[in-house]
Amino acid sequence: MTEASKRATVYFEPDLHRAIRLKAAHTHRSVSDIVNDAVRMALRDDQEDLAAFDDRVAEPEMSYEALLKDLKKHGKL
């Protein structure tokens, strides 16, 4: 833990808490390290999703009904 680390109270479901503790013991890491890595991954995934939306903003839109019609027309349904 670094000096800049902040403390927070987080409530886990009992089974999830047990799994995190077991993983920490098995990997010789702290629960905090495991939780920090998981949060970082979730935020990175969100960032990648937002970037993908930005990349596709100029693509033409197609309604669900039009998509189904097109799939049927091309023998995909």
N, C-alpha and C. Protein backbone atom coordinates (compact mmCIF):
# COMPACT_ATOMS: atom_id res chain seq x y z
N MET A 1 0.84 -1.17 0.00
CA MET A 1 0.00 0.00 0.00
C MET A 1 0.89 1.24 0.00
N THR A 2 0.54 2.24 -0.80
CA THR A 2 1.33 3.46 -0.87
C THR A 2 0.78 4.51 0.09
N GLU A 3 1.56 5.56 0.29
CA GLU A 3 1.10 6.66 1.15
C GLU A 3 -0.17 7.30 0.62
N ALA A 4 -0.32 7.31 -0.70
CA ALA A 4 -1.47 7.96 -1.32
C ALA A 4 -2.72 7.08 -1.28
N SER A 5 -2.60 5.86 -0.81
CA SER A 5 -3.75 4.97 -0.76
C SER A 5 -4.82 5.53 0.17
N LYS A 6 -6.06 5.32 -0.20
CA LYS A 6 -7.20 5.77 0.60
C LYS A 6 -7.94 4.56 1.13
N ARG A 7 -8.45 4.70 2.31
CA ARG A 7 -9.19 3.62 2.95
C ARG A 7 -10.68 3.78 2.65
N ALA A 8 -11.34 2.65 2.39
CA ALA A 8 -12.78 2.65 2.14
C ALA A 8 -13.39 1.41 2.77
N THR A 9 -14.63 1.52 3.17
CA THR A 9 -15.35 0.37 3.69
C THR A 9 -16.20 -0.19 2.56
N VAL A 10 -15.99 -1.46 2.27
CA VAL A 10 -16.73 -2.14 1.21
C VAL A 10 -17.38 -3.37 1.83
N TYR A 11 -18.64 -3.59 1.53
CA TYR A 11 -19.36 -4.75 2.05
C TYR A 11 -19.52 -5.77 0.94
N PHE A 12 -19.00 -6.98 1.17
CA PHE A 12 -19.10 -8.07 0.21
C PHE A 12 -20.14 -9.08 0.67
N GLU A 13 -20.74 -9.74 -0.29
CA GLU A 13 -21.57 -10.89 0.05
C GLU A 13 -20.65 -11.94 0.67
N PRO A 14 -21.15 -12.70 1.65
CA PRO A 14 -20.27 -13.65 2.35
C PRO A 14 -19.50 -14.61 1.44
N ASP A 15 -20.15 -15.19 0.44
CA ASP A 15 -19.47 -16.12 -0.45
C ASP A 15 -18.39 -15.43 -1.28
N LEU A 16 -18.68 -14.21 -1.72
CA LEU A 16 -17.71 -13.45 -2.49
C LEU A 16 -16.51 -13.08 -1.61
N HIS A 17 -16.77 -12.68 -0.39
CA HIS A 17 -15.68 -12.33 0.54
C HIS A 17 -14.80 -13.55 0.80
N ARG A 18 -15.41 -14.69 0.99
CA ARG A 18 -14.66 -15.93 1.22
C ARG A 18 -13.78 -16.25 0.01
N ALA A 19 -14.33 -16.10 -1.18
CA ALA A 19 -13.57 -16.39 -2.40
C ALA A 19 -12.39 -15.44 -2.55
N ILE A 20 -12.59 -14.17 -2.25
CA ILE A 20 -11.50 -13.19 -2.35
C ILE A 20 -10.41 -13.52 -1.33
N ARG A 21 -10.80 -13.84 -0.12
CA ARG A 21 -9.82 -14.19 0.91
C ARG A 21 -9.02 -15.42 0.52
N LEU A 22 -9.72 -16.44 -0.03
CA LEU A 22 -9.02 -17.65 -0.46
C LEU A 22 -8.06 -17.35 -1.61
N LYS A 23 -8.49 -16.53 -2.55
CA LYS A 23 -7.61 -16.17 -3.66
C LYS A 23 -6.40 -15.40 -3.14
N ALA A 24 -6.62 -14.51 -2.21
CA ALA A 24 -5.51 -13.74 -1.62
C ALA A 24 -4.50 -14.68 -0.97
N ALA A 25 -4.98 -15.62 -0.20
CA ALA A 25 -4.09 -16.56 0.47
C ALA A 25 -3.35 -17.44 -0.54
N HIS A 26 -4.07 -17.90 -1.55
CA HIS A 26 -3.49 -18.79 -2.55
C HIS A 26 -2.42 -18.08 -3.39
N THR A 27 -2.63 -16.80 -3.68
CA THR A 27 -1.71 -16.05 -4.55
C THR A 27 -0.71 -15.22 -3.77
N HIS A 28 -0.77 -15.29 -2.43
CA HIS A 28 0.14 -14.53 -1.56
C HIS A 28 0.03 -13.03 -1.84
N ARG A 29 -1.20 -12.57 -2.02
CA ARG A 29 -1.47 -11.15 -2.25
C ARG A 29 -2.49 -10.71 -1.21
N SER A 30 -2.61 -9.41 -1.05
CA SER A 30 -3.60 -8.89 -0.11
C SER A 30 -4.97 -8.79 -0.78
N VAL A 31 -6.00 -8.80 0.05
CA VAL A 31 -7.36 -8.59 -0.45
C VAL A 31 -7.43 -7.24 -1.16
N SER A 32 -6.78 -6.23 -0.60
CA SER A 32 -6.78 -4.90 -1.23
C SER A 32 -6.19 -4.94 -2.63
N ASP A 33 -5.08 -5.66 -2.81
CA ASP A 33 -4.48 -5.75 -4.15
C ASP A 33 -5.43 -6.41 -5.14
N ILE A 34 -6.09 -7.46 -4.71
CA ILE A 34 -7.02 -8.17 -5.59
C ILE A 34 -8.21 -7.27 -5.95
N VAL A 35 -8.76 -6.58 -4.98
CA VAL A 35 -9.90 -5.69 -5.24
C VAL A 35 -9.47 -4.52 -6.12
N ASN A 36 -8.30 -3.93 -5.84
CA ASN A 36 -7.82 -2.83 -6.69
C ASN A 36 -7.64 -3.27 -8.12
N ASP A 37 -7.06 -4.47 -8.34
CA ASP A 37 -6.89 -4.98 -9.70
C ASP A 37 -8.23 -5.20 -10.39
N ALA A 38 -9.21 -5.73 -9.66
CA ALA A 38 -10.53 -5.98 -10.23
C ALA A 38 -11.22 -4.67 -10.63
N VAL A 39 -11.10 -3.66 -9.79
CA VAL A 39 -11.71 -2.36 -10.10
C VAL A 39 -11.01 -1.74 -11.30
N ARG A 40 -9.68 -1.83 -11.34
CA ARG A 40 -8.94 -1.31 -12.50
C ARG A 40 -9.40 -1.98 -13.79
N MET A 41 -9.56 -3.31 -13.76
CA MET A 41 -10.01 -4.04 -14.95
C MET A 41 -11.41 -3.59 -15.37
N ALA A 42 -12.30 -3.42 -14.40
CA ALA A 42 -13.66 -2.98 -14.72
C ALA A 42 -13.66 -1.59 -15.35
N LEU A 43 -12.85 -0.69 -14.80
CA LEU A 43 -12.77 0.66 -15.35
C LEU A 43 -12.14 0.66 -16.73
N ARG A 44 -11.12 -0.19 -16.94
CA ARG A 44 -10.49 -0.31 -18.25
C ARG A 44 -11.49 -0.82 -19.28
N ASP A 45 -12.29 -1.81 -18.89
CA ASP A 45 -13.34 -2.33 -19.79
C ASP A 45 -14.33 -1.23 -20.16
N ASP A 46 -14.73 -0.43 -19.16
CA ASP A 46 -15.65 0.69 -19.43
C ASP A 46 -15.01 1.67 -20.40
N GLN A 47 -13.73 1.97 -20.21
CA GLN A 47 -13.03 2.90 -21.08
C GLN A 47 -12.97 2.36 -22.51
N GLU A 48 -12.70 1.06 -22.65
CA GLU A 48 -12.67 0.45 -23.99
C GLU A 48 -14.05 0.48 -24.64
N ASP A 49 -15.10 0.22 -23.86
CA ASP A 49 -16.46 0.27 -24.39
C ASP A 49 -16.81 1.68 -24.88
N LEU A 50 -16.46 2.68 -24.09
CA LEU A 50 -16.75 4.06 -24.49
C LEU A 50 -15.97 4.44 -25.75
N ALA A 51 -14.73 3.99 -25.84
CA ALA A 51 -13.94 4.26 -27.05
C ALA A 51 -14.57 3.60 -28.26
N ALA A 52 -15.08 2.39 -28.10
CA ALA A 52 -15.74 1.68 -29.21
C ALA A 52 -16.99 2.44 -29.65
N PHE A 53 -17.74 2.98 -28.70
CA PHE A 53 -18.92 3.77 -29.06
C PHE A 53 -18.51 5.00 -29.85
N ASP A 54 -17.44 5.67 -29.41
CA ASP A 54 -16.95 6.86 -30.12
C ASP A 54 -16.52 6.50 -31.53
N ASP A 55 -15.84 5.35 -31.69
CA ASP A 55 -15.37 4.92 -33.00
C ASP A 55 -16.52 4.61 -33.96
N ARG A 56 -17.67 4.20 -33.40
CA ARG A 56 -18.78 3.77 -34.25
C ARG A 56 -19.87 4.82 -34.39
N VAL A 57 -19.65 6.02 -33.87
CA VAL A 57 -20.71 7.03 -33.85
C VAL A 57 -21.17 7.41 -35.27
N ALA A 58 -20.28 7.32 -36.25
CA ALA A 58 -20.64 7.71 -37.62
C ALA A 58 -21.28 6.58 -38.42
N GLU A 59 -21.34 5.38 -37.86
CA GLU A 59 -21.95 4.26 -38.58
C GLU A 59 -23.45 4.46 -38.72
N PRO A 60 -24.00 4.02 -39.84
CA PRO A 60 -25.45 4.16 -40.00
C PRO A 60 -26.19 3.26 -39.00
N GLU A 61 -27.34 3.73 -38.56
CA GLU A 61 -28.15 2.95 -37.62
C GLU A 61 -29.12 2.06 -38.37
N MET A 62 -29.46 0.93 -37.75
CA MET A 62 -30.42 0.01 -38.34
C MET A 62 -31.34 -0.43 -37.20
N SER A 63 -32.62 -0.38 -37.46
CA SER A 63 -33.56 -0.83 -36.43
C SER A 63 -33.49 -2.34 -36.29
N TYR A 64 -33.98 -2.82 -35.18
CA TYR A 64 -34.00 -4.27 -34.94
C TYR A 64 -34.85 -4.97 -35.99
N GLU A 65 -35.97 -4.36 -36.33
CA GLU A 65 -36.85 -4.95 -37.33
C GLU A 65 -36.16 -5.02 -38.69
N ALA A 66 -35.44 -3.96 -39.05
CA ALA A 66 -34.71 -3.95 -40.32
C ALA A 66 -33.60 -5.00 -40.32
N LEU A 67 -32.95 -5.17 -39.19
CA LEU A 67 -31.90 -6.18 -39.07
C LEU A 67 -32.48 -7.58 -39.30
N LEU A 68 -33.60 -7.87 -38.65
CA LEU A 68 -34.24 -9.18 -38.82
C LEU A 68 -34.64 -9.40 -40.28
N LYS A 69 -35.19 -8.37 -40.90
CA LYS A 69 -35.61 -8.46 -42.29
C LYS A 69 -34.39 -8.74 -43.19
N ASP A 70 -33.28 -8.07 -42.93
CA ASP A 70 -32.07 -8.25 -43.72
C ASP A 70 -31.50 -9.65 -43.52
N LEU A 71 -31.50 -10.13 -42.30
CA LEU A 71 -31.00 -11.48 -42.02
C LEU A 71 -31.84 -12.53 -42.74
N LYS A 72 -33.15 -12.32 -42.71
CA LYS A 72 -34.05 -13.26 -43.38
C LYS A 72 -33.83 -13.22 -44.89
N LYS A 73 -33.68 -12.02 -45.43
CA LYS A 73 -33.47 -11.84 -46.87
C LYS A 73 -32.21 -12.57 -47.34
N HIS A 74 -31.20 -12.59 -46.49
CA HIS A 74 -29.93 -13.23 -46.88
C HIS A 74 -29.79 -14.65 -46.36
N GLY A 75 -30.92 -15.25 -45.95
CA GLY A 75 -30.94 -16.64 -45.54
C GLY A 75 -30.25 -16.95 -44.22
N LYS A 76 -30.08 -15.95 -43.40
CA LYS A 76 -29.42 -16.16 -42.11
C LYS A 76 -30.41 -16.55 -41.01
N LEU A 77 -31.68 -16.36 -41.27
CA LEU A 77 -32.73 -16.75 -40.32
C LEU A 77 -33.68 -17.74 -40.95
